[in-house]
């Protein structure tokens, strides 16, 4: 199954396995497609990063879209991504498996 890949800021973790995704109902994918966010949608999320050698090596995670119910600093966020058990990892680590 090809999951849409969406940009997130992993510094915006709401919980250890929950990252802020969007304050709107739609979000652009890496390929430029505008998708409608909905509860349970399987997605991949990514954030720009570099390897120890200074080469591009995005941080990635897989998960599902959840409606945000948290309060506090993330109360303006409508949608979040619940990250699966594989956690946040560098893309190069995923390709080695």
PDB file of N, CA and C in Angstrom:
ATOM      1  N   UNK A   1       0.832  -1.185   0.000  1.00  0.00           N
ATOM      2  CA  UNK A   1       0.000   0.000   0.000  1.00  0.00           C
ATOM      3  C   UNK A   1       0.873   1.243   0.000  1.00  0.00           C
ATOM      4  N   UNK A   2       0.623   2.160  -0.903  1.00  0.00           N
ATOM      5  CA  UNK A   2       1.370   3.395  -0.993  1.00  0.00           C
ATOM      6  C   UNK A   2       0.737   4.450  -0.103  1.00  0.00           C
ATOM      7  N   UNK A   3       1.402   4.790   0.966  1.00  0.00           N
ATOM      8  CA  UNK A   3       0.895   5.797   1.897  1.00  0.00           C
ATOM      9  C   UNK A   3       1.339   7.182   1.445  1.00  0.00           C
ATOM     10  N   UNK A   4       0.473   8.185   1.571  1.00  0.00           N
ATOM     11  CA  UNK A   4       0.918   9.543   1.272  1.00  0.00           C
ATOM     12  C   UNK A   4       1.990   9.967   2.269  1.00  0.00           C
ATOM     13  N   UNK A   5       2.969  10.725   1.788  1.00  0.00           N
ATOM     14  CA  UNK A   5       4.062  11.198   2.646  1.00  0.00           C
ATOM     15  C   UNK A   5       3.877  12.688   2.912  1.00  0.00           C
ATOM     16  N   UNK A   6       3.783  13.039   4.198  1.00  0.00           N
ATOM     17  CA  UNK A   6       3.485  14.402   4.618  1.00  0.00           C
ATOM     18  C   UNK A   6       4.596  14.961   5.501  1.00  0.00           C
ATOM     19  N   UNK A   7       4.864  16.247   5.334  1.00  0.00           N
ATOM     20  CA  UNK A   7       5.899  16.901   6.137  1.00  0.00           C
ATOM     21  C   UNK A   7       5.380  17.211   7.538  1.00  0.00           C
ATOM     22  N   UNK A   8       6.193  16.952   8.544  1.00  0.00           N
ATOM     23  CA  UNK A   8       5.916  17.349   9.924  1.00  0.00           C
ATOM     24  C   UNK A   8       7.194  17.909  10.531  1.00  0.00           C
ATOM     25  N   UNK A   9       7.046  18.537  11.675  1.00  0.00           N
ATOM     26  CA  UNK A   9       8.190  18.977  12.460  1.00  0.00           C
ATOM     27  C   UNK A   9       8.239  18.073  13.686  1.00  0.00           C
ATOM     28  N   UNK A  10       9.207  17.175  13.749  1.00  0.00           N
ATOM     29  CA  UNK A  10       9.288  16.235  14.856  1.00  0.00           C
ATOM     30  C   UNK A  10       9.610  16.923  16.185  1.00  0.00           C
ATOM     31  N   UNK A  11       9.896  18.225  16.160  1.00  0.00           N
ATOM     32  CA  UNK A  11      10.027  18.985  17.398  1.00  0.00           C
ATOM     33  C   UNK A  11       8.652  19.291  17.995  1.00  0.00           C
ATOM     34  N   UNK A  12       7.590  19.008  17.234  1.00  0.00           N
ATOM     35  CA  UNK A  12       6.224  19.259  17.687  1.00  0.00           C
ATOM     36  C   UNK A  12       5.536  17.968  18.128  1.00  0.00           C
ATOM     37  N   UNK A  13       6.250  17.166  18.898  1.00  0.00           N
ATOM     38  CA  UNK A  13       5.654  15.961  19.463  1.00  0.00           C
ATOM     39  C   UNK A  13       4.693  16.360  20.584  1.00  0.00           C
ATOM     40  N   UNK A  14       3.471  15.881  20.496  1.00  0.00           N
ATOM     41  CA  UNK A  14       2.456  16.134  21.508  1.00  0.00           C
ATOM     42  C   UNK A  14       2.596  15.102  22.628  1.00  0.00           C
ATOM     43  N   UNK A  15       2.912  13.885  22.232  1.00  0.00           N
ATOM     44  CA  UNK A  15       3.211  12.762  23.122  1.00  0.00           C
ATOM     45  C   UNK A  15       4.408  12.055  22.488  1.00  0.00           C
ATOM     46  N   UNK A  16       5.027  11.107  23.187  1.00  0.00           N
ATOM     47  CA  UNK A  16       6.197  10.436  22.605  1.00  0.00           C
ATOM     48  C   UNK A  16       5.955   9.802  21.230  1.00  0.00           C
ATOM     49  N   UNK A  17       4.719   9.384  20.935  1.00  0.00           N
ATOM     50  CA  UNK A  17       4.438   8.764  19.639  1.00  0.00           C
ATOM     51  C   UNK A  17       3.301   9.492  18.902  1.00  0.00           C
ATOM     52  N   UNK A  18       3.149  10.782  19.160  1.00  0.00           N
ATOM     53  CA  UNK A  18       2.100  11.579  18.531  1.00  0.00           C
ATOM     54  C   UNK A  18       2.676  12.917  18.119  1.00  0.00           C
ATOM     55  N   UNK A  19       2.615  13.217  16.808  1.00  0.00           N
ATOM     56  CA  UNK A  19       3.185  14.454  16.299  1.00  0.00           C
ATOM     57  C   UNK A  19       2.083  15.308  15.677  1.00  0.00           C
ATOM     58  N   UNK A  20       2.186  16.619  15.884  1.00  0.00           N
ATOM     59  CA  UNK A  20       1.245  17.558  15.278  1.00  0.00           C
ATOM     60  C   UNK A  20       1.343  17.454  13.766  1.00  0.00           C
ATOM     61  N   UNK A  21       0.186  17.460  13.105  1.00  0.00           N
ATOM     62  CA  UNK A  21       0.155  17.271  11.658  1.00  0.00           C
ATOM     63  C   UNK A  21      -0.380  18.501  10.936  1.00  0.00           C
ATOM     64  N   UNK A  22      -1.567  18.999  11.317  1.00  0.00           N
ATOM     65  CA  UNK A  22      -2.166  20.104  10.579  1.00  0.00           C
ATOM     66  C   UNK A  22      -3.273  20.777  11.386  1.00  0.00           C
ATOM     67  N   UNK A  23      -3.446  22.058  11.167  1.00  0.00           N
ATOM     68  CA  UNK A  23      -4.580  22.778  11.760  1.00  0.00           C
ATOM     69  C   UNK A  23      -5.746  22.830  10.773  1.00  0.00           C
ATOM     70  N   UNK A  24      -5.507  22.372   9.552  1.00  0.00           N
ATOM     71  CA  UNK A  24      -6.517  22.366   8.495  1.00  0.00           C
ATOM     72  C   UNK A  24      -6.905  20.936   8.130  1.00  0.00           C
ATOM     73  N   UNK A  25      -7.969  20.794   7.334  1.00  0.00           N
ATOM     74  CA  UNK A  25      -8.449  19.471   6.929  1.00  0.00           C
ATOM     75  C   UNK A  25      -7.704  18.885   5.737  1.00  0.00           C
ATOM     76  N   UNK A  26      -6.872  19.669   5.084  1.00  0.00           N
ATOM     77  CA  UNK A  26      -6.091  19.166   3.949  1.00  0.00           C
ATOM     78  C   UNK A  26      -4.616  19.454   4.176  1.00  0.00           C
ATOM     79  N   UNK A  27      -3.787  18.680   3.498  1.00  0.00           N
ATOM     80  CA  UNK A  27      -2.335  18.877   3.596  1.00  0.00           C
ATOM     81  C   UNK A  27      -1.697  18.406   2.298  1.00  0.00           C
ATOM     82  N   UNK A  28      -0.653  19.099   1.882  1.00  0.00           N
ATOM     83  CA  UNK A  28       0.081  18.718   0.672  1.00  0.00           C
ATOM     84  C   UNK A  28       1.017  17.560   0.958  1.00  0.00           C
ATOM     85  N   UNK A  29       1.038  16.603   0.045  1.00  0.00           N
ATOM     86  CA  UNK A  29       1.971  15.494   0.146  1.00  0.00           C
ATOM     87  C   UNK A  29       3.316  15.914  -0.434  1.00  0.00           C
ATOM     88  N   UNK A  30       4.302  15.064  -0.262  1.00  0.00           N
ATOM     89  CA  UNK A  30       5.630  15.308  -0.822  1.00  0.00           C
ATOM     90  C   UNK A  30       5.571  15.488  -2.329  1.00  0.00           C
ATOM     91  N   UNK A  31       4.624  14.809  -2.993  1.00  0.00           N
ATOM     92  CA  UNK A  31       4.498  14.884  -4.446  1.00  0.00           C
ATOM     93  C   UNK A  31       3.603  16.035  -4.916  1.00  0.00           C
ATOM     94  N   UNK A  32       3.088  16.846  -3.968  1.00  0.00           N
ATOM     95  CA  UNK A  32       2.286  18.006  -4.339  1.00  0.00           C
ATOM     96  C   UNK A  32       0.791  17.769  -4.418  1.00  0.00           C
ATOM     97  N   UNK A  33       0.348  16.576  -4.062  1.00  0.00           N
ATOM     98  CA  UNK A  33      -1.076  16.270  -4.060  1.00  0.00           C
ATOM     99  C   UNK A  33      -1.697  16.794  -2.764  1.00  0.00           C
ATOM    100  N   UNK A  34      -2.853  17.423  -2.868  1.00  0.00           N
ATOM    101  CA  UNK A  34      -3.566  17.920  -1.699  1.00  0.00           C
ATOM    102  C   UNK A  34      -4.532  16.827  -1.233  1.00  0.00           C
ATOM    103  N   UNK A  35      -4.324  16.281  -0.022  1.00  0.00           N
ATOM    104  CA  UNK A  35      -5.182  15.202   0.444  1.00  0.00           C
ATOM    105  C   UNK A  35      -6.054  15.661   1.612  1.00  0.00           C
ATOM    106  N   UNK A  36      -7.209  15.031   1.710  1.00  0.00           N
ATOM    107  CA  UNK A  36      -8.141  15.294   2.797  1.00  0.00           C
ATOM    108  C   UNK A  36      -7.762  14.403   3.974  1.00  0.00           C
ATOM    109  N   UNK A  37      -7.499  15.020   5.113  1.00  0.00           N
ATOM    110  CA  UNK A  37      -7.147  14.262   6.304  1.00  0.00           C
ATOM    111  C   UNK A  37      -8.412  13.709   6.948  1.00  0.00           C
ATOM    112  N   UNK A  38      -8.320  12.472   7.431  1.00  0.00           N
ATOM    113  CA  UNK A  38      -9.454  11.851   8.110  1.00  0.00           C
ATOM    114  C   UNK A  38      -8.932  10.844   9.121  1.00  0.00           C
ATOM    115  N   UNK A  39      -9.720  10.603  10.128  1.00  0.00           N
ATOM    116  CA  UNK A  39      -9.374   9.669  11.193  1.00  0.00           C
ATOM    117  C   UNK A  39      -9.025   8.296  10.605  1.00  0.00           C
ATOM    118  N   UNK A  40      -7.872   7.757  11.019  1.00  0.00           N
ATOM    119  CA  UNK A  40      -7.472   6.415  10.606  1.00  0.00           C
ATOM    120  C   UNK A  40      -6.731   6.313   9.289  1.00  0.00           C
ATOM    121  N   UNK A  41      -6.524   7.433   8.589  1.00  0.00           N
ATOM    122  CA  UNK A  41      -5.815   7.410   7.303  1.00  0.00           C
ATOM    123  C   UNK A  41      -4.357   7.002   7.527  1.00  0.00           C
ATOM    124  N   UNK A  42      -3.891   5.915   6.886  1.00  0.00           N
ATOM    125  CA  UNK A  42      -2.480   5.520   7.021  1.00  0.00           C
ATOM    126  C   UNK A  42      -1.591   6.477   6.234  1.00  0.00           C
ATOM    127  N   UNK A  43      -0.549   6.986   6.888  1.00  0.00           N
ATOM    128  CA  UNK A  43       0.359   7.937   6.246  1.00  0.00           C
ATOM    129  C   UNK A  43       1.798   7.654   6.661  1.00  0.00           C
ATOM    130  N   UNK A  44       2.710   8.290   5.925  1.00  0.00           N
ATOM    131  CA  UNK A  44       4.104   8.390   6.332  1.00  0.00           C
ATOM    132  C   UNK A  44       4.368   9.864   6.569  1.00  0.00           C
ATOM    133  N   UNK A  45       5.166  10.160   7.577  1.00  0.00           N
ATOM    134  CA  UNK A  45       5.549  11.543   7.843  1.00  0.00           C
ATOM    135  C   UNK A  45       7.065  11.646   7.760  1.00  0.00           C
ATOM    136  N   UNK A  46       7.530  12.838   7.426  1.00  0.00           N
ATOM    137  CA  UNK A  46       8.971  13.037   7.300  1.00  0.00           C
ATOM    138  C   UNK A  46       9.348  14.449   7.711  1.00  0.00           C
ATOM    139  N   UNK A  47      10.616  14.612   8.031  1.00  0.00           N
ATOM    140  CA  UNK A  47      11.190  15.909   8.340  1.00  0.00           C
ATOM    141  C   UNK A  47      12.619  15.917   7.816  1.00  0.00           C
ATOM    142  N   UNK A  48      13.052  17.039   7.294  1.00  0.00           N
ATOM    143  CA  UNK A  48      14.407  17.158   6.762  1.00  0.00           C
ATOM    144  C   UNK A  48      15.440  16.932   7.867  1.00  0.00           C
ATOM    145  N   UNK A  49      16.489  16.200   7.538  1.00  0.00           N
ATOM    146  CA  UNK A  49      17.595  15.984   8.458  1.00  0.00           C
ATOM    147  C   UNK A  49      18.823  15.622   7.628  1.00  0.00           C
ATOM    148  N   UNK A  50      19.961  15.542   8.285  1.00  0.00           N
ATOM    149  CA  UNK A  50      21.201  15.154   7.608  1.00  0.00           C
ATOM    150  C   UNK A  50      21.897  14.058   8.396  1.00  0.00           C
ATOM    151  N   UNK A  51      22.714  13.286   7.703  1.00  0.00           N
ATOM    152  CA  UNK A  51      23.482  12.213   8.342  1.00  0.00           C
ATOM    153  C   UNK A  51      24.690  12.809   9.058  1.00  0.00           C
ATOM    154  N   UNK A  52      25.426  11.940   9.735  1.00  0.00           N
ATOM    155  CA  UNK A  52      26.662  12.366  10.408  1.00  0.00           C
ATOM    156  C   UNK A  52      27.676  12.911   9.416  1.00  0.00           C
ATOM    157  N   UNK A  53      27.534  12.525   8.149  1.00  0.00           N
ATOM    158  CA  UNK A  53      28.454  12.982   7.098  1.00  0.00           C
ATOM    159  C   UNK A  53      27.968  14.262   6.420  1.00  0.00           C
ATOM    160  N   UNK A  54      26.838  14.805   6.893  1.00  0.00           N
ATOM    161  CA  UNK A  54      26.296  16.034   6.319  1.00  0.00           C
ATOM    162  C   UNK A  54      25.466  15.822   5.067  1.00  0.00           C
ATOM    163  N   UNK A  55      25.131  14.569   4.773  1.00  0.00           N
ATOM    164  CA  UNK A  55      24.325  14.263   3.590  1.00  0.00           C
ATOM    165  C   UNK A  55      22.845  14.212   3.968  1.00  0.00           C
ATOM    166  N   UNK A  56      21.940  14.576   3.041  1.00  0.00           N
ATOM    167  CA  UNK A  56      20.503  14.519   3.342  1.00  0.00           C
ATOM    168  C   UNK A  56      20.078  13.107   3.770  1.00  0.00           C
ATOM    169  N   UNK A  57      19.359  13.023   4.869  1.00  0.00           N
ATOM    170  CA  UNK A  57      18.865  11.749   5.400  1.00  0.00           C
ATOM    171  C   UNK A  57      17.638  12.067   6.260  1.00  0.00           C
ATOM    172  N   UNK A  58      16.475  12.139   5.603  1.00  0.00           N
ATOM    173  CA  UNK A  58      15.246  12.541   6.282  1.00  0.00           C
ATOM    174  C   UNK A  58      14.916  11.639   7.463  1.00  0.00           C
ATOM    175  N   UNK A  59      14.305  12.246   8.477  1.00  0.00           N
ATOM    176  CA  UNK A  59      13.681  11.485   9.546  1.00  0.00           C
ATOM    177  C   UNK A  59      12.307  11.077   9.042  1.00  0.00           C
ATOM    178  N   UNK A  60      11.909   9.829   9.263  1.00  0.00           N
ATOM    179  CA  UNK A  60      10.613   9.337   8.781  1.00  0.00           C
ATOM    180  C   UNK A  60       9.916   8.523   9.865  1.00  0.00           C
ATOM    181  N   UNK A  61       8.604   8.375   9.701  1.00  0.00           N
ATOM    182  CA  UNK A  61       7.814   7.511  10.570  1.00  0.00           C
ATOM    183  C   UNK A  61       6.533   7.152   9.830  1.00  0.00           C
ATOM    184  N   UNK A  62       5.964   6.016  10.176  1.00  0.00           N
ATOM    185  CA  UNK A  62       4.668   5.604   9.648  1.00  0.00           C
ATOM    186  C   UNK A  62       3.654   5.702  10.768  1.00  0.00           C
ATOM    187  N   UNK A  63       2.403   5.928  10.390  1.00  0.00           N
ATOM    188  CA  UNK A  63       1.365   6.006  11.403  1.00  0.00           C
ATOM    189  C   UNK A  63       0.003   6.232  10.783  1.00  0.00           C
ATOM    190  N   UNK A  64      -0.927   6.666  11.623  1.00  0.00           N
ATOM    191  CA  UNK A  64      -2.281   6.960  11.167  1.00  0.00           C
ATOM    192  C   UNK A  64      -2.708   8.329  11.672  1.00  0.00           C
ATOM    193  N   UNK A  65      -3.575   8.962  10.900  1.00  0.00           N
ATOM    194  CA  UNK A  65      -4.098  10.275  11.260  1.00  0.00           C
ATOM    195  C   UNK A  65      -5.089  10.122  12.412  1.00  0.00           C
ATOM    196  N   UNK A  66      -4.964  11.020  13.390  1.00  0.00           N
ATOM    197  CA  UNK A  66      -5.888  11.088  14.522  1.00  0.00           C
ATOM    198  C   UNK A  66      -6.359  12.522  14.677  1.00  0.00           C
ATOM    199  N   UNK A  67      -7.596  12.697  15.052  1.00  0.00           N
ATOM    200  CA  UNK A  67      -8.085  14.023  15.406  1.00  0.00           C
ATOM    201  C   UNK A  67      -7.453  14.390  16.744  1.00  0.00           C
ATOM    202  N   UNK A  68      -6.896  15.581  16.828  1.00  0.00           N
ATOM    203  CA  UNK A  68      -6.212  16.009  18.039  1.00  0.00           C
ATOM    204  C   UNK A  68      -7.209  16.353  19.140  1.00  0.00           C
ATOM    205  N   UNK A  69      -7.022  15.766  20.299  1.00  0.00           N
ATOM    206  CA  UNK A  69      -7.883  16.067  21.445  1.00  0.00           C
ATOM    207  C   UNK A  69      -7.081  16.675  22.593  1.00  0.00           C
ATOM    208  N   UNK A  70      -5.819  16.942  22.353  1.00  0.00           N
ATOM    209  CA  UNK A  70      -4.962  17.489  23.392  1.00  0.00           C
ATOM    210  C   UNK A  70      -5.171  18.985  23.556  1.00  0.00           C
ATOM    211  N   UNK A  71      -4.927  19.453  24.748  1.00  0.00           N
ATOM    212  CA  UNK A  71      -5.032  20.880  25.042  1.00  0.00           C
ATOM    213  C   UNK A  71      -3.641  21.433  25.277  1.00  0.00           C
ATOM    214  N   UNK A  72      -3.561  22.654  25.675  1.00  0.00           N
ATOM    215  CA  UNK A  72      -2.253  23.258  25.910  1.00  0.00           C
ATOM    216  C   UNK A  72      -1.680  23.828  24.627  1.00  0.00           C
ATOM    217  N   UNK A  73      -0.361  23.729  24.468  1.00  0.00           N
ATOM    218  CA  UNK A  73       0.297  24.363  23.325  1.00  0.00           C
ATOM    219  C   UNK A  73      -0.227  23.838  21.991  1.00  0.00           C
ATOM    220  N   UNK A  74      -0.753  22.615  21.937  1.00  0.00           N
ATOM    221  CA  UNK A  74      -1.203  22.021  20.675  1.00  0.00           C
ATOM    222  C   UNK A  74      -2.706  22.142  20.456  1.00  0.00           C
ATOM    223  N   UNK A  75      -3.383  22.971  21.221  1.00  0.00           N
ATOM    224  CA  UNK A  75      -4.843  23.058  21.112  1.00  0.00           C
ATOM    225  C   UNK A  75      -5.309  23.569  19.745  1.00  0.00           C
ATOM    226  N   UNK A  76      -4.459  24.302  19.031  1.00  0.00           N
ATOM    227  CA  UNK A  76      -4.821  24.821  17.705  1.00  0.00           C
ATOM    228  C   UNK A  76      -4.677  23.753  16.604  1.00  0.00           C
ATOM    229  N   UNK A  77      -4.059  22.629  16.922  1.00  0.00           N
ATOM    230  CA  UNK A  77      -3.832  21.557  15.955  1.00  0.00           C
ATOM    231  C   UNK A  77      -5.100  20.715  15.841  1.00  0.00           C
ATOM    232  N   UNK A  78      -5.591  20.550  14.617  1.00  0.00           N
ATOM    233  CA  UNK A  78      -6.802  19.751  14.399  1.00  0.00           C
ATOM    234  C   UNK A  78      -6.472  18.279  14.196  1.00  0.00           C
ATOM    235  N   UNK A  79      -5.369  18.006  13.479  1.00  0.00           N
ATOM    236  CA  UNK A  79      -4.994  16.633  13.136  1.00  0.00           C
ATOM    237  C   UNK A  79      -3.566  16.332  13.601  1.00  0.00           C
ATOM    238  N   UNK A  80      -3.364  15.102  14.027  1.00  0.00           N
ATOM    239  CA  UNK A  80      -2.043  14.638  14.435  1.00  0.00           C
ATOM    240  C   UNK A  80      -1.791  13.268  13.811  1.00  0.00           C
ATOM    241  N   UNK A  81      -0.580  12.780  13.957  1.00  0.00           N
ATOM    242  CA  UNK A  81      -0.224  11.450  13.452  1.00  0.00           C
ATOM    243  C   UNK A  81       0.248  10.597  14.621  1.00  0.00           C
ATOM    244  N   UNK A  82      -0.429   9.465  14.813  1.00  0.00           N
ATOM    245  CA  UNK A  82      -0.024   8.486  15.832  1.00  0.00           C
ATOM    246  C   UNK A  82       1.021   7.592  15.188  1.00  0.00           C
ATOM    247  N   UNK A  83       2.254   7.681  15.659  1.00  0.00           N
ATOM    248  CA  UNK A  83       3.386   6.958  15.085  1.00  0.00           C
ATOM    249  C   UNK A  83       3.359   5.499  15.542  1.00  0.00           C
ATOM    250  N   UNK A  84       3.593   4.583  14.606  1.00  0.00           N
ATOM    251  CA  UNK A  84       3.548   3.155  14.927  1.00  0.00           C
ATOM    252  C   UNK A  84       4.788   2.711  15.704  1.00  0.00           C
ATOM    253  N   UNK A  85       4.845   1.432  16.010  1.00  0.00           N
ATOM    254  CA  UNK A  85       5.910   0.861  16.831  1.00  0.00           C
ATOM    255  C   UNK A  85       7.304   0.950  16.239  1.00  0.00           C
ATOM    256  N   UNK A  86       7.420   1.261  14.949  1.00  0.00           N
ATOM    257  CA  UNK A  86       8.745   1.429  14.341  1.00  0.00           C
ATOM    258  C   UNK A  86       9.389   2.750  14.728  1.00  0.00           C
ATOM    259  N   UNK A  87       8.603   3.676  15.260  1.00  0.00           N
ATOM    260  CA  UNK A  87       9.127   4.943  15.749  1.00  0.00           C
ATOM    261  C   UNK A  87       9.664   5.858  14.654  1.00  0.00           C
ATOM    262  N   UNK A  88      10.367   6.870  15.106  1.00  0.00           N
ATOM    263  CA  UNK A  88      11.006   7.849  14.221  1.00  0.00           C
ATOM    264  C   UNK A  88      12.417   7.356  13.941  1.00  0.00           C
ATOM    265  N   UNK A  89      12.774   7.321  12.673  1.00  0.00           N
ATOM    266  CA  UNK A  89      14.086   6.807  12.284  1.00  0.00           C
ATOM    267  C   UNK A  89      14.584   7.551  11.050  1.00  0.00           C
ATOM    268  N   UNK A  90      15.876   7.410  10.782  1.00  0.00           N
ATOM    269  CA  UNK A  90      16.421   7.979   9.553  1.00  0.00           C
ATOM    270  C   UNK A  90      16.018   7.095   8.372  1.00  0.00           C
ATOM    271  N   UNK A  91      15.761   7.733   7.262  1.00  0.00           N
ATOM    272  CA  UNK A  91      15.340   7.006   6.069  1.00  0.00           C
ATOM    273  C   UNK A  91      16.389   5.978   5.662  1.00  0.00           C
ATOM    274  N   UNK A  92      17.663   6.305   5.803  1.00  0.00           N
ATOM    275  CA  UNK A  92      18.723   5.357   5.411  1.00  0.00           C
ATOM    276  C   UNK A  92      18.680   4.095   6.277  1.00  0.00           C
ATOM    277  N   UNK A  93      18.247   4.201   7.530  1.00  0.00           N
ATOM    278  CA  UNK A  93      18.138   3.022   8.391  1.00  0.00           C
ATOM    279  C   UNK A  93      17.037   2.090   7.894  1.00  0.00           C
ATOM    280  N   UNK A  94      15.960   2.643   7.360  1.00  0.00           N
ATOM    281  CA  UNK A  94      14.852   1.839   6.836  1.00  0.00           C
ATOM    282  C   UNK A  94      15.266   1.087   5.573  1.00  0.00           C
ATOM    283  N   UNK A  95      16.120   1.679   4.786  1.00  0.00           N
ATOM    284  CA  UNK A  95      16.551   1.057   3.532  1.00  0.00           C
ATOM    285  C   UNK A  95      17.526  -0.083   3.775  1.00  0.00           C
ATOM    286  N   UNK A  96      18.169  -0.103   4.930  1.00  0.00           N
ATOM    287  CA  UNK A  96      19.126  -1.160   5.251  1.00  0.00           C
ATOM    288  C   UNK A  96      18.441  -2.438   5.676  1.00  0.00           C
ATOM    289  N   UNK A  97      17.162  -2.347   6.090  1.00  0.00           N
ATOM    290  CA  UNK A  97      16.417  -3.524   6.576  1.00  0.00           C
ATOM    291  C   UNK A  97      15.778  -4.292   5.458  1.00  0.00           C
TER     292      UNK A  97
END
